[in-house]
Amino acid sequence: MIETCEESGSFDLPAYLDELSEVLGTPDLVVVMDSGAGDYERLWVTTSLRGLIGGTLRVGVSKEGVHSGMAGGIIPSSFRIARSIISRIEDEKTGQILLPELSTNISDEIQNEAQGIADVLGENVWTDFPTLEGVEPQTPGLSEIVLSGNWRPSLSVTGVDGMPSLKDAGNVLRTHTF
């Protein structure tokens, strides 16, 4: 069976697994070909994949936009409330996820594997990303960077609605923030 729903959450896969469960039985091996590789000089084996939780956060505060000079300080900012809610999940200073339920125990074996990857790849564990000059990884230490990218949870806001562009923005408290 080949599943090809790139980064989609594999919406069709459960139906196929149900339909073909008698034929498939219990697989001895599952091969994933989309987990990346540290380099092209050797074969890499993925032993775990982080999961994904998708959601929509919508904070509404008014029926219509109101001039910020009149309503600012009276009507709460939908953006401030959204930011506060996100800060309950992620420490905005460190990027650490604050919900222990989203973390897993990182065993000595996993730490040793991360050190081995760091030994092979060196600074490339983070310098291969197209960061701007002066941007440093949020985790110090190469093996810690490997663990943060593979075993520790992280939060990524991948889209925002309800925020006007700078050219269209005015002195108005928005009705909501997505």
N, C-alpha and C. Protein backbone atom coordinates (compact mmCIF):
# COMPACT_ATOMS: atom_id res chain seq x y z
N MET A 1 0.85 -1.17 0.00
CA MET A 1 0.00 0.00 0.00
C MET A 1 0.90 1.23 0.00
N ILE A 2 0.58 2.20 -0.83
CA ILE A 2 1.33 3.46 -0.87
C ILE A 2 0.36 4.58 -0.54
N GLU A 3 0.68 5.35 0.47
CA GLU A 3 -0.13 6.49 0.89
C GLU A 3 0.57 7.74 0.39
N THR A 4 -0.14 8.63 -0.29
CA THR A 4 0.52 9.78 -0.93
C THR A 4 -0.10 11.12 -0.56
N CYS A 5 -0.69 11.23 0.59
CA CYS A 5 -1.29 12.51 1.00
C CYS A 5 -0.25 13.38 1.69
N GLU A 6 0.55 14.06 0.92
CA GLU A 6 1.64 14.89 1.42
C GLU A 6 1.16 15.90 2.46
N GLU A 7 1.69 15.81 3.67
CA GLU A 7 1.45 16.77 4.75
C GLU A 7 -0.03 17.06 4.99
N SER A 8 -0.89 16.12 4.73
CA SER A 8 -2.32 16.39 4.81
C SER A 8 -2.99 15.76 6.02
N GLY A 9 -2.29 14.93 6.73
CA GLY A 9 -2.92 14.19 7.79
C GLY A 9 -3.50 12.87 7.32
N SER A 10 -3.28 12.52 6.07
CA SER A 10 -3.67 11.22 5.50
C SER A 10 -5.15 10.93 5.71
N PHE A 11 -6.00 11.79 5.17
CA PHE A 11 -7.43 11.65 5.37
C PHE A 11 -7.99 10.34 4.82
N ASP A 12 -7.42 9.82 3.74
CA ASP A 12 -7.94 8.61 3.12
C ASP A 12 -7.38 7.32 3.72
N LEU A 13 -6.26 7.41 4.40
CA LEU A 13 -5.59 6.21 4.88
C LEU A 13 -6.45 5.35 5.81
N PRO A 14 -7.16 5.91 6.80
CA PRO A 14 -7.97 5.05 7.67
C PRO A 14 -9.01 4.22 6.90
N ALA A 15 -9.61 4.81 5.89
CA ALA A 15 -10.61 4.05 5.11
C ALA A 15 -9.96 2.88 4.39
N TYR A 16 -8.77 3.11 3.81
CA TYR A 16 -8.06 2.02 3.13
C TYR A 16 -7.64 0.94 4.13
N LEU A 17 -7.16 1.35 5.29
CA LEU A 17 -6.75 0.37 6.29
C LEU A 17 -7.93 -0.47 6.75
N ASP A 18 -9.09 0.16 6.94
CA ASP A 18 -10.29 -0.59 7.31
C ASP A 18 -10.69 -1.57 6.21
N GLU A 19 -10.71 -1.07 4.98
CA GLU A 19 -11.14 -1.89 3.84
C GLU A 19 -10.20 -3.07 3.60
N LEU A 20 -8.91 -2.86 3.80
CA LEU A 20 -7.91 -3.89 3.48
C LEU A 20 -7.35 -4.59 4.72
N SER A 21 -8.00 -4.43 5.87
CA SER A 21 -7.45 -4.96 7.12
C SER A 21 -7.20 -6.47 7.07
N GLU A 22 -8.08 -7.22 6.44
CA GLU A 22 -7.89 -8.67 6.37
C GLU A 22 -6.69 -9.02 5.51
N VAL A 23 -6.49 -8.29 4.44
CA VAL A 23 -5.36 -8.55 3.54
C VAL A 23 -4.05 -8.12 4.20
N LEU A 24 -4.07 -6.96 4.86
CA LEU A 24 -2.84 -6.42 5.46
C LEU A 24 -2.42 -7.16 6.72
N GLY A 25 -3.39 -7.57 7.52
CA GLY A 25 -3.06 -8.19 8.79
C GLY A 25 -2.31 -7.21 9.68
N THR A 26 -1.29 -7.70 10.37
CA THR A 26 -0.44 -6.84 11.19
C THR A 26 0.91 -6.75 10.52
N PRO A 27 1.24 -5.59 9.96
CA PRO A 27 2.51 -5.49 9.22
C PRO A 27 3.72 -5.66 10.13
N ASP A 28 4.75 -6.28 9.60
CA ASP A 28 6.01 -6.41 10.31
C ASP A 28 6.90 -5.20 10.08
N LEU A 29 6.63 -4.47 9.01
CA LEU A 29 7.47 -3.33 8.65
C LEU A 29 6.62 -2.26 7.97
N VAL A 30 6.81 -1.02 8.38
CA VAL A 30 6.18 0.13 7.73
C VAL A 30 7.30 1.03 7.26
N VAL A 31 7.30 1.38 5.99
CA VAL A 31 8.35 2.22 5.41
C VAL A 31 7.76 3.59 5.10
N VAL A 32 8.41 4.63 5.61
CA VAL A 32 8.01 6.01 5.36
C VAL A 32 9.13 6.67 4.59
N MET A 33 8.83 7.26 3.45
CA MET A 33 9.88 7.82 2.61
C MET A 33 9.84 9.34 2.59
N ASP A 34 9.23 9.96 3.59
CA ASP A 34 9.08 11.41 3.59
C ASP A 34 9.57 12.01 4.90
N SER A 35 10.47 11.36 5.57
CA SER A 35 10.89 11.87 6.88
C SER A 35 12.20 12.62 6.83
N GLY A 36 12.79 12.79 5.67
CA GLY A 36 14.02 13.55 5.55
C GLY A 36 15.25 12.71 5.81
N ALA A 37 16.39 13.32 5.63
CA ALA A 37 17.67 12.66 5.86
C ALA A 37 18.69 13.72 6.25
N GLY A 38 19.63 13.33 7.07
CA GLY A 38 20.65 14.28 7.52
C GLY A 38 21.60 14.70 6.42
N ASP A 39 21.90 13.79 5.51
CA ASP A 39 22.74 14.09 4.35
C ASP A 39 22.51 13.00 3.31
N TYR A 40 23.20 13.10 2.21
CA TYR A 40 23.06 12.10 1.15
C TYR A 40 24.28 11.19 1.06
N GLU A 41 25.06 11.15 2.12
CA GLU A 41 26.28 10.34 2.15
C GLU A 41 26.04 8.97 2.78
N ARG A 42 24.91 8.77 3.41
CA ARG A 42 24.64 7.52 4.13
C ARG A 42 23.14 7.28 4.19
N LEU A 43 22.75 6.09 4.57
CA LEU A 43 21.35 5.74 4.75
C LEU A 43 20.92 6.15 6.16
N TRP A 44 19.80 6.82 6.26
CA TRP A 44 19.27 7.26 7.55
C TRP A 44 18.00 6.47 7.85
N VAL A 45 17.81 6.13 9.11
CA VAL A 45 16.63 5.38 9.54
C VAL A 45 15.84 6.25 10.52
N THR A 46 14.56 6.42 10.24
CA THR A 46 13.68 7.17 11.13
C THR A 46 13.06 6.18 12.11
N THR A 47 13.21 6.47 13.40
CA THR A 47 12.67 5.57 14.42
C THR A 47 11.43 6.14 15.10
N SER A 48 11.12 7.40 14.83
CA SER A 48 9.94 8.02 15.43
C SER A 48 9.57 9.26 14.62
N LEU A 49 8.30 9.56 14.59
CA LEU A 49 7.82 10.80 13.96
C LEU A 49 6.99 11.56 14.98
N ARG A 50 7.18 12.88 15.02
CA ARG A 50 6.33 13.70 15.88
C ARG A 50 4.95 13.77 15.26
N GLY A 51 3.95 13.90 16.08
CA GLY A 51 2.58 14.01 15.59
C GLY A 51 2.22 15.44 15.26
N LEU A 52 0.96 15.63 14.93
CA LEU A 52 0.46 16.95 14.57
C LEU A 52 -0.90 17.14 15.21
N ILE A 53 -1.09 18.29 15.81
CA ILE A 53 -2.41 18.69 16.29
C ILE A 53 -2.77 19.94 15.51
N GLY A 54 -3.84 19.89 14.76
CA GLY A 54 -4.28 21.06 14.01
C GLY A 54 -5.51 21.66 14.67
N GLY A 55 -5.64 22.95 14.58
CA GLY A 55 -6.80 23.59 15.18
C GLY A 55 -6.96 25.00 14.68
N THR A 56 -8.07 25.59 15.04
CA THR A 56 -8.33 26.98 14.71
C THR A 56 -8.67 27.71 16.00
N LEU A 57 -7.96 28.77 16.27
CA LEU A 57 -8.23 29.62 17.42
C LEU A 57 -8.91 30.88 16.90
N ARG A 58 -10.10 31.15 17.37
CA ARG A 58 -10.81 32.37 16.96
C ARG A 58 -11.24 33.09 18.22
N VAL A 59 -10.85 34.34 18.34
CA VAL A 59 -11.21 35.17 19.48
C VAL A 59 -12.03 36.33 18.95
N GLY A 60 -13.29 36.42 19.36
CA GLY A 60 -14.16 37.52 18.96
C GLY A 60 -14.44 38.43 20.13
N VAL A 61 -14.51 39.75 19.88
CA VAL A 61 -14.75 40.70 20.97
C VAL A 61 -15.83 41.73 20.66
N SER A 62 -16.17 41.94 19.39
CA SER A 62 -17.18 42.95 19.07
C SER A 62 -17.90 42.59 17.78
N LYS A 63 -19.05 43.22 17.58
CA LYS A 63 -19.86 42.96 16.38
C LYS A 63 -19.33 43.71 15.18
N GLU A 64 -18.60 44.81 15.41
CA GLU A 64 -18.02 45.60 14.33
C GLU A 64 -16.75 46.27 14.83
N GLY A 65 -15.91 46.69 13.88
CA GLY A 65 -14.68 47.37 14.25
C GLY A 65 -14.99 48.71 14.92
N VAL A 66 -14.19 49.05 15.92
CA VAL A 66 -14.39 50.29 16.68
C VAL A 66 -13.07 51.04 16.71
N HIS A 67 -13.13 52.38 16.60
CA HIS A 67 -11.92 53.21 16.60
C HIS A 67 -11.12 52.94 17.88
N SER A 68 -9.85 52.65 17.71
CA SER A 68 -9.01 52.29 18.86
C SER A 68 -8.82 53.46 19.82
N GLY A 69 -8.91 54.69 19.34
CA GLY A 69 -8.79 55.86 20.22
C GLY A 69 -9.95 55.98 21.18
N MET A 70 -11.08 55.40 20.82
CA MET A 70 -12.25 55.46 21.69
C MET A 70 -12.42 54.18 22.51
N ALA A 71 -12.18 53.03 21.87
CA ALA A 71 -12.48 51.75 22.53
C ALA A 71 -11.25 51.06 23.12
N GLY A 72 -10.03 51.51 22.69
CA GLY A 72 -8.81 50.90 23.24
C GLY A 72 -8.76 51.10 24.75
N GLY A 73 -8.50 50.05 25.48
CA GLY A 73 -8.49 50.12 26.94
C GLY A 73 -9.84 49.81 27.55
N ILE A 74 -10.87 49.78 26.71
CA ILE A 74 -12.21 49.44 27.18
C ILE A 74 -12.60 48.06 26.65
N ILE A 75 -12.59 47.93 25.32
CA ILE A 75 -12.84 46.62 24.70
C ILE A 75 -11.50 45.90 24.64
N PRO A 76 -11.43 44.66 25.11
CA PRO A 76 -10.15 43.95 25.05
C PRO A 76 -9.72 43.71 23.60
N SER A 77 -8.42 43.66 23.40
CA SER A 77 -7.85 43.38 22.08
C SER A 77 -7.96 41.88 21.79
N SER A 78 -8.58 41.55 20.67
CA SER A 78 -8.69 40.13 20.31
C SER A 78 -7.31 39.51 20.10
N PHE A 79 -6.36 40.30 19.59
CA PHE A 79 -5.00 39.79 19.39
C PHE A 79 -4.34 39.50 20.73
N ARG A 80 -4.51 40.40 21.72
CA ARG A 80 -3.91 40.17 23.04
C ARG A 80 -4.48 38.91 23.68
N ILE A 81 -5.77 38.69 23.55
CA ILE A 81 -6.38 37.49 24.12
C ILE A 81 -5.84 36.25 23.41
N ALA A 82 -5.76 36.29 22.08
CA ALA A 82 -5.20 35.14 21.34
C ALA A 82 -3.77 34.88 21.76
N ARG A 83 -2.98 35.94 21.89
CA ARG A 83 -1.58 35.80 22.32
C ARG A 83 -1.51 35.18 23.71
N SER A 84 -2.40 35.60 24.61
CA SER A 84 -2.43 35.07 25.97
C SER A 84 -2.77 33.58 25.97
N ILE A 85 -3.72 33.19 25.14
CA ILE A 85 -4.10 31.78 25.05
C ILE A 85 -2.93 30.95 24.53
N ILE A 86 -2.27 31.44 23.49
CA ILE A 86 -1.11 30.72 22.94
C ILE A 86 0.00 30.62 23.98
N SER A 87 0.15 31.66 24.81
CA SER A 87 1.20 31.65 25.84
C SER A 87 0.92 30.63 26.94
N ARG A 88 -0.29 30.14 27.04
CA ARG A 88 -0.58 29.05 27.98
C ARG A 88 -0.05 27.72 27.45
N ILE A 89 0.15 27.65 26.14
CA ILE A 89 0.64 26.44 25.50
C ILE A 89 2.15 26.50 25.31
N GLU A 90 2.66 27.67 24.90
CA GLU A 90 4.08 27.83 24.57
C GLU A 90 4.67 29.01 25.33
N ASP A 91 5.83 28.80 25.95
CA ASP A 91 6.56 29.90 26.57
C ASP A 91 7.10 30.79 25.46
N GLU A 92 6.59 32.02 25.39
CA GLU A 92 6.96 32.89 24.27
C GLU A 92 8.42 33.33 24.30
N LYS A 93 9.10 33.18 25.43
CA LYS A 93 10.52 33.55 25.50
C LYS A 93 11.43 32.42 25.03
N THR A 94 11.06 31.18 25.33
CA THR A 94 11.94 30.05 25.04
C THR A 94 11.43 29.15 23.92
N GLY A 95 10.13 29.21 23.63
CA GLY A 95 9.54 28.30 22.66
C GLY A 95 9.18 26.95 23.26
N GLN A 96 9.46 26.75 24.55
CA GLN A 96 9.16 25.47 25.20
C GLN A 96 7.65 25.29 25.32
N ILE A 97 7.18 24.09 25.00
CA ILE A 97 5.76 23.76 25.15
C ILE A 97 5.50 23.48 26.62
N LEU A 98 4.47 24.12 27.16
CA LEU A 98 4.20 24.08 28.59
C LEU A 98 3.27 22.94 29.01
N LEU A 99 2.65 22.27 28.07
CA LEU A 99 1.73 21.19 28.41
C LEU A 99 2.49 19.87 28.47
N PRO A 100 2.66 19.31 29.67
CA PRO A 100 3.46 18.08 29.79
C PRO A 100 2.88 16.91 29.00
N GLU A 101 1.59 16.93 28.74
CA GLU A 101 0.95 15.85 27.99
C GLU A 101 1.46 15.77 26.55
N LEU A 102 2.06 16.83 26.05
CA LEU A 102 2.56 16.85 24.68
C LEU A 102 4.02 16.42 24.57
N SER A 103 4.64 16.13 25.70
CA SER A 103 6.05 15.72 25.70
C SER A 103 6.16 14.24 25.98
N THR A 104 7.28 13.68 25.58
CA THR A 104 7.57 12.28 25.84
C THR A 104 8.87 12.17 26.63
N ASN A 105 9.05 11.06 27.28
CA ASN A 105 10.31 10.82 27.98
C ASN A 105 11.41 10.57 26.94
N ILE A 106 12.50 11.29 27.08
CA ILE A 106 13.64 11.11 26.17
C ILE A 106 14.67 10.26 26.91
N SER A 107 14.76 9.00 26.51
CA SER A 107 15.62 8.03 27.19
C SER A 107 17.09 8.31 26.93
N ASP A 108 17.94 7.66 27.70
CA ASP A 108 19.39 7.77 27.48
C ASP A 108 19.76 7.27 26.08
N GLU A 109 19.08 6.21 25.63
CA GLU A 109 19.35 5.68 24.29
C GLU A 109 19.07 6.74 23.21
N ILE A 110 17.94 7.41 23.35
CA ILE A 110 17.59 8.46 22.38
C ILE A 110 18.59 9.61 22.46
N GLN A 111 18.99 9.98 23.66
CA GLN A 111 19.99 11.05 23.81
C GLN A 111 21.31 10.66 23.16
N ASN A 112 21.70 9.40 23.31
CA ASN A 112 22.93 8.93 22.68
C ASN A 112 22.81 8.95 21.15
N GLU A 113 21.64 8.55 20.64
CA GLU A 113 21.42 8.61 19.19
C GLU A 113 21.49 10.05 18.69
N ALA A 114 20.91 10.97 19.44
CA ALA A 114 20.95 12.39 19.06
C ALA A 114 22.38 12.90 19.05
N GLN A 115 23.17 12.47 20.02
CA GLN A 115 24.58 12.87 20.05
C GLN A 115 25.32 12.31 18.84
N GLY A 116 25.00 11.07 18.46
CA GLY A 116 25.62 10.48 17.28
C GLY A 116 25.28 11.25 16.01
N ILE A 117 24.03 11.66 15.88
CA ILE A 117 23.62 12.47 14.72
C ILE A 117 24.37 13.80 14.73
N ALA A 118 24.45 14.43 15.90
CA ALA A 118 25.16 15.70 16.01
C ALA A 118 26.64 15.53 15.68
N ASP A 119 27.23 14.42 16.08
CA ASP A 119 28.64 14.16 15.77
C ASP A 119 28.86 14.05 14.26
N VAL A 120 27.91 13.41 13.56
CA VAL A 120 28.04 13.23 12.11
C VAL A 120 27.79 14.53 11.37
N LEU A 121 26.71 15.24 11.74
CA LEU A 121 26.29 16.41 10.97
C LEU A 121 26.91 17.72 11.44
N GLY A 122 27.37 17.76 12.68
CA GLY A 122 27.95 19.00 13.20
C GLY A 122 26.96 20.15 13.13
N GLU A 123 27.46 21.33 12.80
CA GLU A 123 26.63 22.54 12.74
C GLU A 123 25.50 22.43 11.71
N ASN A 124 25.63 21.50 10.77
CA ASN A 124 24.58 21.35 9.75
C ASN A 124 23.23 20.95 10.34
N VAL A 125 23.20 20.50 11.61
CA VAL A 125 21.90 20.18 12.21
C VAL A 125 21.00 21.41 12.25
N TRP A 126 21.61 22.60 12.12
CA TRP A 126 20.76 23.79 12.06
C TRP A 126 21.19 24.78 10.98
N THR A 127 22.44 24.76 10.54
CA THR A 127 22.86 25.75 9.54
C THR A 127 22.34 25.45 8.14
N ASP A 128 21.80 24.26 7.91
CA ASP A 128 21.19 23.96 6.61
C ASP A 128 19.86 24.71 6.41
N PHE A 129 19.30 25.26 7.49
CA PHE A 129 18.06 26.04 7.37
C PHE A 129 18.41 27.45 6.92
N PRO A 130 17.57 28.07 6.09
CA PRO A 130 17.89 29.38 5.51
C PRO A 130 17.60 30.54 6.47
N THR A 131 18.24 30.53 7.63
CA THR A 131 18.00 31.59 8.61
C THR A 131 18.70 32.88 8.19
N LEU A 132 18.20 33.98 8.70
CA LEU A 132 18.83 35.27 8.46
C LEU A 132 20.10 35.39 9.28
N GLU A 133 20.98 36.25 8.85
CA GLU A 133 22.23 36.48 9.57
C GLU A 133 21.92 36.91 11.00
N GLY A 134 22.61 36.31 11.96
CA GLY A 134 22.42 36.64 13.36
C GLY A 134 21.41 35.78 14.09
N VAL A 135 20.60 35.01 13.36
CA VAL A 135 19.62 34.14 14.00
C VAL A 135 20.34 32.90 14.52
N GLU A 136 20.11 32.60 15.77
CA GLU A 136 20.71 31.44 16.42
C GLU A 136 19.62 30.43 16.75
N PRO A 137 19.97 29.15 16.89
CA PRO A 137 18.96 28.16 17.28
C PRO A 137 18.44 28.48 18.68
N GLN A 138 17.20 28.14 18.95
CA GLN A 138 16.64 28.45 20.26
C GLN A 138 17.07 27.47 21.33
N THR A 139 17.75 26.41 20.95
CA THR A 139 18.27 25.43 21.89
C THR A 139 19.78 25.37 21.74
N PRO A 140 20.55 25.56 22.82
CA PRO A 140 22.01 25.45 22.69
C PRO A 140 22.46 23.99 22.67
N GLY A 141 23.53 23.72 21.95
CA GLY A 141 24.09 22.37 21.90
C GLY A 141 23.53 21.58 20.73
N LEU A 142 24.42 20.99 19.95
CA LEU A 142 24.00 20.31 18.73
C LEU A 142 23.09 19.12 18.99
N SER A 143 23.39 18.30 20.00
CA SER A 143 22.51 17.16 20.27
C SER A 143 21.16 17.63 20.79
N GLU A 144 21.13 18.73 21.53
CA GLU A 144 19.86 19.29 22.00
C GLU A 144 19.04 19.82 20.83
N ILE A 145 19.70 20.37 19.82
CA ILE A 145 19.00 20.83 18.61
C ILE A 145 18.36 19.63 17.91
N VAL A 146 19.09 18.52 17.82
CA VAL A 146 18.54 17.30 17.21
C VAL A 146 17.31 16.85 17.98
N LEU A 147 17.39 16.84 19.31
CA LEU A 147 16.25 16.42 20.13
C LEU A 147 15.07 17.37 19.95
N SER A 148 15.35 18.67 19.89
CA SER A 148 14.27 19.65 19.73
C SER A 148 13.58 19.51 18.39
N GLY A 149 14.31 19.14 17.36
CA GLY A 149 13.73 19.00 16.04
C GLY A 149 13.06 17.67 15.79
N ASN A 150 13.29 16.70 16.68
CA ASN A 150 12.78 15.36 16.43
C ASN A 150 11.95 14.77 17.56
N TRP A 151 12.19 15.16 18.79
CA TRP A 151 11.53 14.52 19.92
C TRP A 151 10.71 15.47 20.77
N ARG A 152 11.05 16.74 20.78
CA ARG A 152 10.33 17.69 21.63
C ARG A 152 9.21 18.35 20.84
N PRO A 153 8.12 18.67 21.52
CA PRO A 153 7.02 19.33 20.82
C PRO A 153 7.36 20.78 20.49
N SER A 154 6.72 21.30 19.47
CA SER A 154 6.87 22.72 19.12
C SER A 154 5.55 23.23 18.60
N LEU A 155 5.40 24.53 18.59
CA LEU A 155 4.17 25.15 18.10
C LEU A 155 4.50 25.99 16.89
N SER A 156 3.74 25.83 15.82
CA SER A 156 3.90 26.64 14.61
C SER A 156 2.54 27.19 14.22
N VAL A 157 2.43 28.50 14.16
CA VAL A 157 1.23 29.14 13.63
C VAL A 157 1.47 29.27 12.13
N THR A 158 0.71 28.55 11.35
CA THR A 158 0.97 28.47 9.91
C THR A 158 0.06 29.37 9.08
N GLY A 159 -0.85 30.06 9.72
CA GLY A 159 -1.72 30.99 9.00
C GLY A 159 -2.50 31.84 9.96
N VAL A 160 -2.87 33.03 9.51
CA VAL A 160 -3.66 33.95 10.33
C VAL A 160 -4.66 34.66 9.43
N ASP A 161 -5.91 34.64 9.82
CA ASP A 161 -6.94 35.43 9.16
C ASP A 161 -7.33 36.57 10.10
N GLY A 162 -8.00 37.55 9.57
CA GLY A 162 -8.50 38.63 10.41
C GLY A 162 -7.49 39.71 10.72
N MET A 163 -6.30 39.64 10.13
CA MET A 163 -5.28 40.66 10.35
C MET A 163 -5.13 41.44 9.04
N PRO A 164 -5.49 42.73 9.03
CA PRO A 164 -5.35 43.48 7.79
C PRO A 164 -3.87 43.71 7.46
N SER A 165 -3.59 43.88 6.18
CA SER A 165 -2.23 44.23 5.78
C SER A 165 -1.93 45.64 6.29
N LEU A 166 -0.66 45.99 6.37
CA LEU A 166 -0.29 47.33 6.85
C LEU A 166 -0.95 48.43 6.03
N LYS A 167 -1.01 48.24 4.72
CA LYS A 167 -1.58 49.29 3.86
C LYS A 167 -3.08 49.43 4.06
N ASP A 168 -3.74 48.38 4.57
CA ASP A 168 -5.19 48.43 4.77
C ASP A 168 -5.58 48.64 6.23
N ALA A 169 -4.62 48.60 7.14
CA ALA A 169 -4.91 48.71 8.56
C ALA A 169 -5.23 50.16 8.94
N GLY A 170 -6.07 50.31 9.92
CA GLY A 170 -6.41 51.64 10.44
C GLY A 170 -6.42 51.61 11.95
N ASN A 171 -6.79 52.71 12.55
CA ASN A 171 -6.85 52.81 14.01
C ASN A 171 -8.16 52.20 14.51
N VAL A 172 -8.31 50.92 14.25
CA VAL A 172 -9.56 50.23 14.56
C VAL A 172 -9.26 48.95 15.32
N LEU A 173 -9.99 48.73 16.41
CA LEU A 173 -9.92 47.44 17.09
C LEU A 173 -10.69 46.44 16.23
N ARG A 174 -10.02 45.37 15.84
CA ARG A 174 -10.65 44.35 15.01
C ARG A 174 -11.73 43.61 15.79
N THR A 175 -12.71 43.13 15.06
CA THR A 175 -13.80 42.39 15.71
C THR A 175 -13.32 41.04 16.23
N HIS A 176 -12.30 40.48 15.58
CA HIS A 176 -11.84 39.14 15.95
C HIS A 176 -10.42 38.93 15.44
N THR A 177 -9.80 37.92 15.98
CA THR A 177 -8.50 37.44 15.49
C THR A 177 -8.61 35.94 15.35
N PHE A 178 -8.20 35.42 14.20
CA PHE A 178 -8.14 33.97 13.99
C PHE A 178 -6.74 33.54 14.29
